[in-house]
Amino acid sequence: MPASEGRLIGDITGEVEAEDDGVIVIKRIHATYHLKVDPDVDRAKVQRAFDGHMPKCPVYRSISGSIDITSELVLEDA
């Protein structure tokens, strides 16, 4: 599945909170991926692949113990 030339765009939002000692830390991250797909693509198959990607993502595995991470996929017509 091609993801170059603007076919895959990620919008990331982070939420920060102050700890009891006043230090600001990132508490939550939400990623929305916009993927442009051709009309003949099996969208259910793409969604299944997306649904299983987080446990195999190095960034997710590195920080998920301390930051709540959520994601969603928005499929758009190419």
PDB file of N, CA and C in Angstrom:
ATOM      1  N   MET A   1       0.844  -1.162   0.000  1.00  0.00           N
ATOM      2  CA  MET A   1       0.000   0.000   0.000  1.00  0.00           C
ATOM      3  C   MET A   1       0.892   1.229   0.000  1.00  0.00           C
ATOM      4  N   PRO A   2       0.807   2.056  -1.012  1.00  0.00           N
ATOM      5  CA  PRO A   2       1.649   3.258  -1.055  1.00  0.00           C
ATOM      6  C   PRO A   2       1.245   4.263   0.021  1.00  0.00           C
ATOM      7  N   ALA A   3       2.245   4.840   0.657  1.00  0.00           N
ATOM      8  CA  ALA A   3       1.982   5.837   1.702  1.00  0.00           C
ATOM      9  C   ALA A   3       2.737   7.140   1.431  1.00  0.00           C
ATOM     10  N   SER A   4       3.426   7.217   0.299  1.00  0.00           N
ATOM     11  CA  SER A   4       4.199   8.417  -0.016  1.00  0.00           C
ATOM     12  C   SER A   4       3.339   9.430  -0.757  1.00  0.00           C
ATOM     13  N   GLU A   5       3.931  10.542  -1.107  1.00  0.00           N
ATOM     14  CA  GLU A   5       3.293  11.592  -1.893  1.00  0.00           C
ATOM     15  C   GLU A   5       1.982  12.075  -1.278  1.00  0.00           C
ATOM     16  N   GLY A   6       1.968  12.201   0.049  1.00  0.00           N
ATOM     17  CA  GLY A   6       0.810  12.744   0.734  1.00  0.00           C
ATOM     18  C   GLY A   6      -0.339  11.780   0.946  1.00  0.00           C
ATOM     19  N   ARG A   7      -0.120  10.498   0.665  1.00  0.00           N
ATOM     20  CA  ARG A   7      -1.214   9.526   0.846  1.00  0.00           C
ATOM     21  C   ARG A   7      -1.442   9.184   2.313  1.00  0.00           C
ATOM     22  N   LEU A   8      -0.420   9.360   3.150  1.00  0.00           N
ATOM     23  CA  LEU A   8      -0.557   9.097   4.579  1.00  0.00           C
ATOM     24  C   LEU A   8      -0.137  10.341   5.349  1.00  0.00           C
ATOM     25  N   ILE A   9      -1.072  10.881   6.105  1.00  0.00           N
ATOM     26  CA  ILE A   9      -0.814  12.073   6.909  1.00  0.00           C
ATOM     27  C   ILE A   9      -1.195  11.733   8.351  1.00  0.00           C
ATOM     28  N   GLY A  10      -0.352  12.115   9.282  1.00  0.00           N
ATOM     29  CA  GLY A  10      -0.651  11.895  10.690  1.00  0.00           C
ATOM     30  C   GLY A  10      -0.858  13.214  11.414  1.00  0.00           C
ATOM     31  N   ASP A  11      -1.942  13.293  12.166  1.00  0.00           N
ATOM     32  CA  ASP A  11      -2.207  14.430  13.043  1.00  0.00           C
ATOM     33  C   ASP A  11      -2.059  13.929  14.471  1.00  0.00           C
ATOM     34  N   ILE A  12      -1.129  14.526  15.208  1.00  0.00           N
ATOM     35  CA  ILE A  12      -0.834  14.064  16.559  1.00  0.00           C
ATOM     36  C   ILE A  12      -1.188  15.159  17.561  1.00  0.00           C
ATOM     37  N   THR A  13      -1.904  14.773  18.603  1.00  0.00           N
ATOM     38  CA  THR A  13      -2.272  15.703  19.664  1.00  0.00           C
ATOM     39  C   THR A  13      -1.741  15.157  20.978  1.00  0.00           C
ATOM     40  N   GLY A  14      -1.077  16.011  21.724  1.00  0.00           N
ATOM     41  CA  GLY A  14      -0.585  15.630  23.040  1.00  0.00           C
ATOM     42  C   GLY A  14      -1.244  16.465  24.121  1.00  0.00           C
ATOM     43  N   GLU A  15      -1.476  15.857  25.267  1.00  0.00           N
ATOM     44  CA  GLU A  15      -2.032  16.579  26.404  1.00  0.00           C
ATOM     45  C   GLU A  15      -1.034  16.517  27.551  1.00  0.00           C
ATOM     46  N   VAL A  16      -0.778  17.671  28.124  1.00  0.00           N
ATOM     47  CA  VAL A  16       0.172  17.762  29.225  1.00  0.00           C
ATOM     48  C   VAL A  16      -0.560  18.155  30.502  1.00  0.00           C
ATOM     49  N   GLU A  17       0.012  17.756  31.619  1.00  0.00           N
ATOM     50  CA  GLU A  17      -0.510  18.113  32.938  1.00  0.00           C
ATOM     51  C   GLU A  17       0.668  18.393  33.856  1.00  0.00           C
ATOM     52  N   ALA A  18       0.415  19.238  34.844  1.00  0.00           N
ATOM     53  CA  ALA A  18       1.452  19.527  35.837  1.00  0.00           C
ATOM     54  C   ALA A  18       1.396  18.459  36.927  1.00  0.00           C
ATOM     55  N   GLU A  19       2.548  17.961  37.282  1.00  0.00           N
ATOM     56  CA  GLU A  19       2.665  17.023  38.396  1.00  0.00           C
ATOM     57  C   GLU A  19       2.555  17.805  39.709  1.00  0.00           C
ATOM     58  N   ASP A  20       2.507  17.092  40.833  1.00  0.00           N
ATOM     59  CA  ASP A  20       2.401  17.737  42.138  1.00  0.00           C
ATOM     60  C   ASP A  20       3.560  18.705  42.409  1.00  0.00           C
ATOM     61  N   ASP A  21       4.727  18.406  41.831  1.00  0.00           N
ATOM     62  CA  ASP A  21       5.888  19.279  42.047  1.00  0.00           C
ATOM     63  C   ASP A  21       5.978  20.399  41.011  1.00  0.00           C
ATOM     64  N   GLY A  22       4.959  20.530  40.156  1.00  0.00           N
ATOM     65  CA  GLY A  22       4.929  21.612  39.176  1.00  0.00           C
ATOM     66  C   GLY A  22       5.557  21.283  37.837  1.00  0.00           C
ATOM     67  N   VAL A  23       6.179  20.119  37.698  1.00  0.00           N
ATOM     68  CA  VAL A  23       6.793  19.735  36.425  1.00  0.00           C
ATOM     69  C   VAL A  23       5.687  19.314  35.457  1.00  0.00           C
ATOM     70  N   ILE A  24       5.731  19.837  34.255  1.00  0.00           N
ATOM     71  CA  ILE A  24       4.746  19.494  33.228  1.00  0.00           C
ATOM     72  C   ILE A  24       5.204  18.229  32.506  1.00  0.00           C
ATOM     73  N   VAL A  25       4.283  17.269  32.388  1.00  0.00           N
ATOM     74  CA  VAL A  25       4.593  16.007  31.711  1.00  0.00           C
ATOM     75  C   VAL A  25       3.505  15.693  30.688  1.00  0.00           C
ATOM     76  N   ILE A  26       3.879  14.939  29.671  1.00  0.00           N
ATOM     77  CA  ILE A  26       2.911  14.480  28.672  1.00  0.00           C
ATOM     78  C   ILE A  26       2.147  13.308  29.280  1.00  0.00           C
ATOM     79  N   LYS A  27       0.829  13.409  29.300  1.00  0.00           N
ATOM     80  CA  LYS A  27      -0.012  12.348  29.874  1.00  0.00           C
ATOM     81  C   LYS A  27      -0.709  11.518  28.810  1.00  0.00           C
ATOM     82  N   ARG A  28      -1.120  12.156  27.712  1.00  0.00           N
ATOM     83  CA  ARG A  28      -1.872  11.469  26.678  1.00  0.00           C
ATOM     84  C   ARG A  28      -1.421  11.930  25.294  1.00  0.00           C
ATOM     85  N   ILE A  29      -1.410  10.970  24.367  1.00  0.00           N
ATOM     86  CA  ILE A  29      -1.127  11.261  22.961  1.00  0.00           C
ATOM     87  C   ILE A  29      -2.196  10.563  22.133  1.00  0.00           C
ATOM     88  N   HIS A  30      -2.756  11.303  21.175  1.00  0.00           N
ATOM     89  CA  HIS A  30      -3.717  10.700  20.243  1.00  0.00           C
ATOM     90  C   HIS A  30      -3.224  10.964  18.823  1.00  0.00           C
ATOM     91  N   ALA A  31      -3.151   9.900  18.039  1.00  0.00           N
ATOM     92  CA  ALA A  31      -2.723  10.000  16.645  1.00  0.00           C
ATOM     93  C   ALA A  31      -3.895   9.662  15.732  1.00  0.00           C
ATOM     94  N   THR A  32      -4.171  10.562  14.802  1.00  0.00           N
ATOM     95  CA  THR A  32      -5.170  10.304  13.768  1.00  0.00           C
ATOM     96  C   THR A  32      -4.430  10.198  12.450  1.00  0.00           C
ATOM     97  N   TYR A  33      -4.525   9.047  11.811  1.00  0.00           N
ATOM     98  CA  TYR A  33      -3.869   8.810  10.537  1.00  0.00           C
ATOM     99  C   TYR A  33      -4.908   8.940   9.424  1.00  0.00           C
ATOM    100  N   HIS A  34      -4.610   9.743   8.430  1.00  0.00           N
ATOM    101  CA  HIS A  34      -5.462   9.905   7.251  1.00  0.00           C
ATOM    102  C   HIS A  34      -4.757   9.191   6.097  1.00  0.00           C
ATOM    103  N   LEU A  35      -5.359   8.131   5.598  1.00  0.00           N
ATOM    104  CA  LEU A  35      -4.761   7.332   4.529  1.00  0.00           C
ATOM    105  C   LEU A  35      -5.660   7.375   3.307  1.00  0.00           C
ATOM    106  N   LYS A  36      -5.099   7.834   2.194  1.00  0.00           N
ATOM    107  CA  LYS A  36      -5.831   7.843   0.922  1.00  0.00           C
ATOM    108  C   LYS A  36      -5.642   6.494   0.248  1.00  0.00           C
ATOM    109  N   VAL A  37      -6.760   5.854  -0.054  1.00  0.00           N
ATOM    110  CA  VAL A  37      -6.713   4.519  -0.658  1.00  0.00           C
ATOM    111  C   VAL A  37      -7.462   4.519  -1.983  1.00  0.00           C
ATOM    112  N   ASP A  38      -7.038   3.631  -2.866  1.00  0.00           N
ATOM    113  CA  ASP A  38      -7.707   3.466  -4.152  1.00  0.00           C
ATOM    114  C   ASP A  38      -9.073   2.817  -3.936  1.00  0.00           C
ATOM    115  N   PRO A  39     -10.009   3.040  -4.840  1.00  0.00           N
ATOM    116  CA  PRO A  39     -11.376   2.514  -4.673  1.00  0.00           C
ATOM    117  C   PRO A  39     -11.452   0.992  -4.554  1.00  0.00           C
ATOM    118  N   ASP A  40     -10.510   0.281  -5.165  1.00  0.00           N
ATOM    119  CA  ASP A  40     -10.575  -1.174  -5.143  1.00  0.00           C
ATOM    120  C   ASP A  40      -9.888  -1.814  -3.940  1.00  0.00           C
ATOM    121  N   VAL A  41      -9.375  -1.019  -3.018  1.00  0.00           N
ATOM    122  CA  VAL A  41      -8.680  -1.541  -1.842  1.00  0.00           C
ATOM    123  C   VAL A  41      -9.686  -2.159  -0.868  1.00  0.00           C
ATOM    124  N   ASP A  42      -9.314  -3.282  -0.292  1.00  0.00           N
ATOM    125  CA  ASP A  42     -10.139  -3.933   0.732  1.00  0.00           C
ATOM    126  C   ASP A  42      -9.970  -3.151   2.036  1.00  0.00           C
ATOM    127  N   ARG A  43     -10.905  -2.277   2.318  1.00  0.00           N
ATOM    128  CA  ARG A  43     -10.808  -1.386   3.486  1.00  0.00           C
ATOM    129  C   ARG A  43     -10.811  -2.171   4.800  1.00  0.00           C
ATOM    130  N   ALA A  44     -11.522  -3.267   4.845  1.00  0.00           N
ATOM    131  CA  ALA A  44     -11.539  -4.079   6.063  1.00  0.00           C
ATOM    132  C   ALA A  44     -10.156  -4.656   6.350  1.00  0.00           C
ATOM    133  N   LYS A  45      -9.462  -5.053   5.304  1.00  0.00           N
ATOM    134  CA  LYS A  45      -8.112  -5.596   5.467  1.00  0.00           C
ATOM    135  C   LYS A  45      -7.147  -4.508   5.945  1.00  0.00           C
ATOM    136  N   VAL A  46      -7.274  -3.312   5.391  1.00  0.00           N
ATOM    137  CA  VAL A  46      -6.435  -2.185   5.827  1.00  0.00           C
ATOM    138  C   VAL A  46      -6.701  -1.877   7.302  1.00  0.00           C
ATOM    139  N   GLN A  47      -7.967  -1.875   7.694  1.00  0.00           N
ATOM    140  CA  GLN A  47      -8.326  -1.589   9.084  1.00  0.00           C
ATOM    141  C   GLN A  47      -7.776  -2.653  10.017  1.00  0.00           C
ATOM    142  N   ARG A  48      -7.851  -3.918   9.629  1.00  0.00           N
ATOM    143  CA  ARG A  48      -7.298  -4.999  10.454  1.00  0.00           C
ATOM    144  C   ARG A  48      -5.799  -4.832  10.651  1.00  0.00           C
ATOM    145  N   ALA A  49      -5.088  -4.458   9.595  1.00  0.00           N
ATOM    146  CA  ALA A  49      -3.647  -4.231   9.708  1.00  0.00           C
ATOM    147  C   ALA A  49      -3.372  -3.074  10.661  1.00  0.00           C
ATOM    148  N   PHE A  50      -4.147  -2.019  10.533  1.00  0.00           N
ATOM    149  CA  PHE A  50      -3.982  -0.867  11.420  1.00  0.00           C
ATOM    150  C   PHE A  50      -4.265  -1.254  12.874  1.00  0.00           C
ATOM    151  N   ASP A  51      -5.324  -2.012  13.091  1.00  0.00           N
ATOM    152  CA  ASP A  51      -5.707  -2.395  14.451  1.00  0.00           C
ATOM    153  C   ASP A  51      -4.612  -3.172  15.173  1.00  0.00           C
ATOM    154  N   GLY A  52      -3.767  -3.847  14.441  1.00  0.00           N
ATOM    155  CA  GLY A  52      -2.702  -4.631  15.072  1.00  0.00           C
ATOM    156  C   GLY A  52      -1.341  -3.969  15.074  1.00  0.00           C
ATOM    157  N   HIS A  53      -1.243  -2.721  14.635  1.00  0.00           N
ATOM    158  CA  HIS A  53       0.084  -2.120  14.460  1.00  0.00           C
ATOM    159  C   HIS A  53       0.723  -1.621  15.756  1.00  0.00           C
ATOM    160  N   MET A  54      -0.051  -1.183  16.719  1.00  0.00           N
ATOM    161  CA  MET A  54       0.548  -0.524  17.883  1.00  0.00           C
ATOM    162  C   MET A  54       1.506  -1.425  18.681  1.00  0.00           C
ATOM    163  N   PRO A  55       1.168  -2.668  18.972  1.00  0.00           N
ATOM    164  CA  PRO A  55       2.114  -3.499  19.726  1.00  0.00           C
ATOM    165  C   PRO A  55       3.436  -3.748  19.002  1.00  0.00           C
ATOM    166  N   LYS A  56       3.484  -3.515  17.700  1.00  0.00           N
ATOM    167  CA  LYS A  56       4.716  -3.712  16.932  1.00  0.00           C
ATOM    168  C   LYS A  56       5.446  -2.400  16.660  1.00  0.00           C
ATOM    169  N   CYS A  57       4.924  -1.289  17.176  1.00  0.00           N
ATOM    170  CA  CYS A  57       5.519   0.032  16.956  1.00  0.00           C
ATOM    171  C   CYS A  57       6.564   0.317  18.038  1.00  0.00           C
ATOM    172  N   PRO A  58       7.819   0.602  17.660  1.00  0.00           N
ATOM    173  CA  PRO A  58       8.856   0.861  18.651  1.00  0.00           C
ATOM    174  C   PRO A  58       8.553   2.059  19.556  1.00  0.00           C
ATOM    175  N   VAL A  59       7.968   3.108  19.009  1.00  0.00           N
ATOM    176  CA  VAL A  59       7.650   4.286  19.831  1.00  0.00           C
ATOM    177  C   VAL A  59       6.572   3.923  20.852  1.00  0.00           C
ATOM    178  N   TYR A  60       5.524   3.267  20.407  1.00  0.00           N
ATOM    179  CA  TYR A  60       4.461   2.848  21.321  1.00  0.00           C
ATOM    180  C   TYR A  60       5.013   1.971  22.435  1.00  0.00           C
ATOM    181  N   ARG A  61       5.828   1.012  22.080  1.00  0.00           N
ATOM    182  CA  ARG A  61       6.379   0.091  23.091  1.00  0.00           C
ATOM    183  C   ARG A  61       7.312   0.792  24.052  1.00  0.00           C
ATOM    184  N   SER A  62       7.955   1.849  23.589  1.00  0.00           N
ATOM    185  CA  SER A  62       8.897   2.569  24.449  1.00  0.00           C
ATOM    186  C   SER A  62       8.208   3.452  25.485  1.00  0.00           C
ATOM    187  N   ILE A  63       7.076   4.060  25.109  1.00  0.00           N
ATOM    188  CA  ILE A  63       6.489   5.056  26.011  1.00  0.00           C
ATOM    189  C   ILE A  63       5.094   4.715  26.528  1.00  0.00           C
ATOM    190  N   SER A  64       4.502   3.626  26.080  1.00  0.00           N
ATOM    191  CA  SER A  64       3.114   3.337  26.448  1.00  0.00           C
ATOM    192  C   SER A  64       2.928   3.046  27.930  1.00  0.00           C
ATOM    193  N   GLY A  65       3.964   2.696  28.631  1.00  0.00           N
ATOM    194  CA  GLY A  65       3.843   2.438  30.065  1.00  0.00           C
ATOM    195  C   GLY A  65       3.658   3.697  30.879  1.00  0.00           C
ATOM    196  N   SER A  66       4.058   4.827  30.327  1.00  0.00           N
ATOM    197  CA  SER A  66       3.958   6.073  31.083  1.00  0.00           C
ATOM    198  C   SER A  66       3.046   7.111  30.437  1.00  0.00           C
ATOM    199  N   ILE A  67       2.667   6.907  29.188  1.00  0.00           N
ATOM    200  CA  ILE A  67       1.796   7.847  28.467  1.00  0.00           C
ATOM    201  C   ILE A  67       0.670   7.047  27.830  1.00  0.00           C
ATOM    202  N   ASP A  68      -0.569   7.506  28.024  1.00  0.00           N
ATOM    203  CA  ASP A  68      -1.723   6.866  27.395  1.00  0.00           C
ATOM    204  C   ASP A  68      -1.720   7.225  25.907  1.00  0.00           C
ATOM    205  N   ILE A  69      -1.653   6.211  25.043  1.00  0.00           N
ATOM    206  CA  ILE A  69      -1.579   6.449  23.604  1.00  0.00           C
ATOM    207  C   ILE A  69      -2.786   5.808  22.921  1.00  0.00           C
ATOM    208  N   THR A  70      -3.476   6.608  22.119  1.00  0.00           N
ATOM    209  CA  THR A  70      -4.593   6.105  21.328  1.00  0.00           C
ATOM    210  C   THR A  70      -4.373   6.514  19.875  1.00  0.00           C
ATOM    211  N   SER A  71      -5.032   5.793  18.978  1.00  0.00           N
ATOM    212  CA  SER A  71      -4.895   6.133  17.566  1.00  0.00           C
ATOM    213  C   SER A  71      -6.165   5.757  16.827  1.00  0.00           C
ATOM    214  N   GLU A  72      -6.339   6.378  15.680  1.00  0.00           N
ATOM    215  CA  GLU A  72      -7.469   6.050  14.816  1.00  0.00           C
ATOM    216  C   GLU A  72      -7.040   6.200  13.369  1.00  0.00           C
ATOM    217  N   LEU A  73      -7.717   5.476  12.503  1.00  0.00           N
ATOM    218  CA  LEU A  73      -7.435   5.517  11.075  1.00  0.00           C
ATOM    219  C   LEU A  73      -8.647   6.054  10.346  1.00  0.00           C
ATOM    220  N   VAL A  74      -8.421   7.051   9.504  1.00  0.00           N
ATOM    221  CA  VAL A  74      -9.460   7.620   8.660  1.00  0.00           C
ATOM    222  C   VAL A  74      -9.080   7.299   7.220  1.00  0.00           C
ATOM    223  N   LEU A  75      -9.887   6.446   6.582  1.00  0.00           N
ATOM    224  CA  LEU A  75      -9.632   6.090   5.188  1.00  0.00           C
ATOM    225  C   LEU A  75     -10.348   7.082   4.281  1.00  0.00           C
ATOM    226  N   GLU A  76      -9.613   7.586   3.301  1.00  0.00           N
ATOM    227  CA  GLU A  76     -10.156   8.585   2.370  1.00  0.00           C
ATOM    228  C   GLU A  76      -9.932   8.099   0.953  1.00  0.00           C
ATOM    229  N   ASP A  77     -10.785   8.505   0.049  1.00  0.00           N
ATOM    230  CA  ASP A  77     -10.626   8.142  -1.353  1.00  0.00           C
ATOM    231  C   ASP A  77      -9.435   8.877  -1.961  1.00  0.00           C
ATOM    232  N   ALA A  78      -8.618   8.116  -2.707  1.00  0.00           N
ATOM    233  CA  ALA A  78      -7.449   8.715  -3.356  1.00  0.00           C
ATOM    234  C   ALA A  78      -7.862   9.476  -4.592  1.00  0.00           C
TER     235      ALA A  78
END
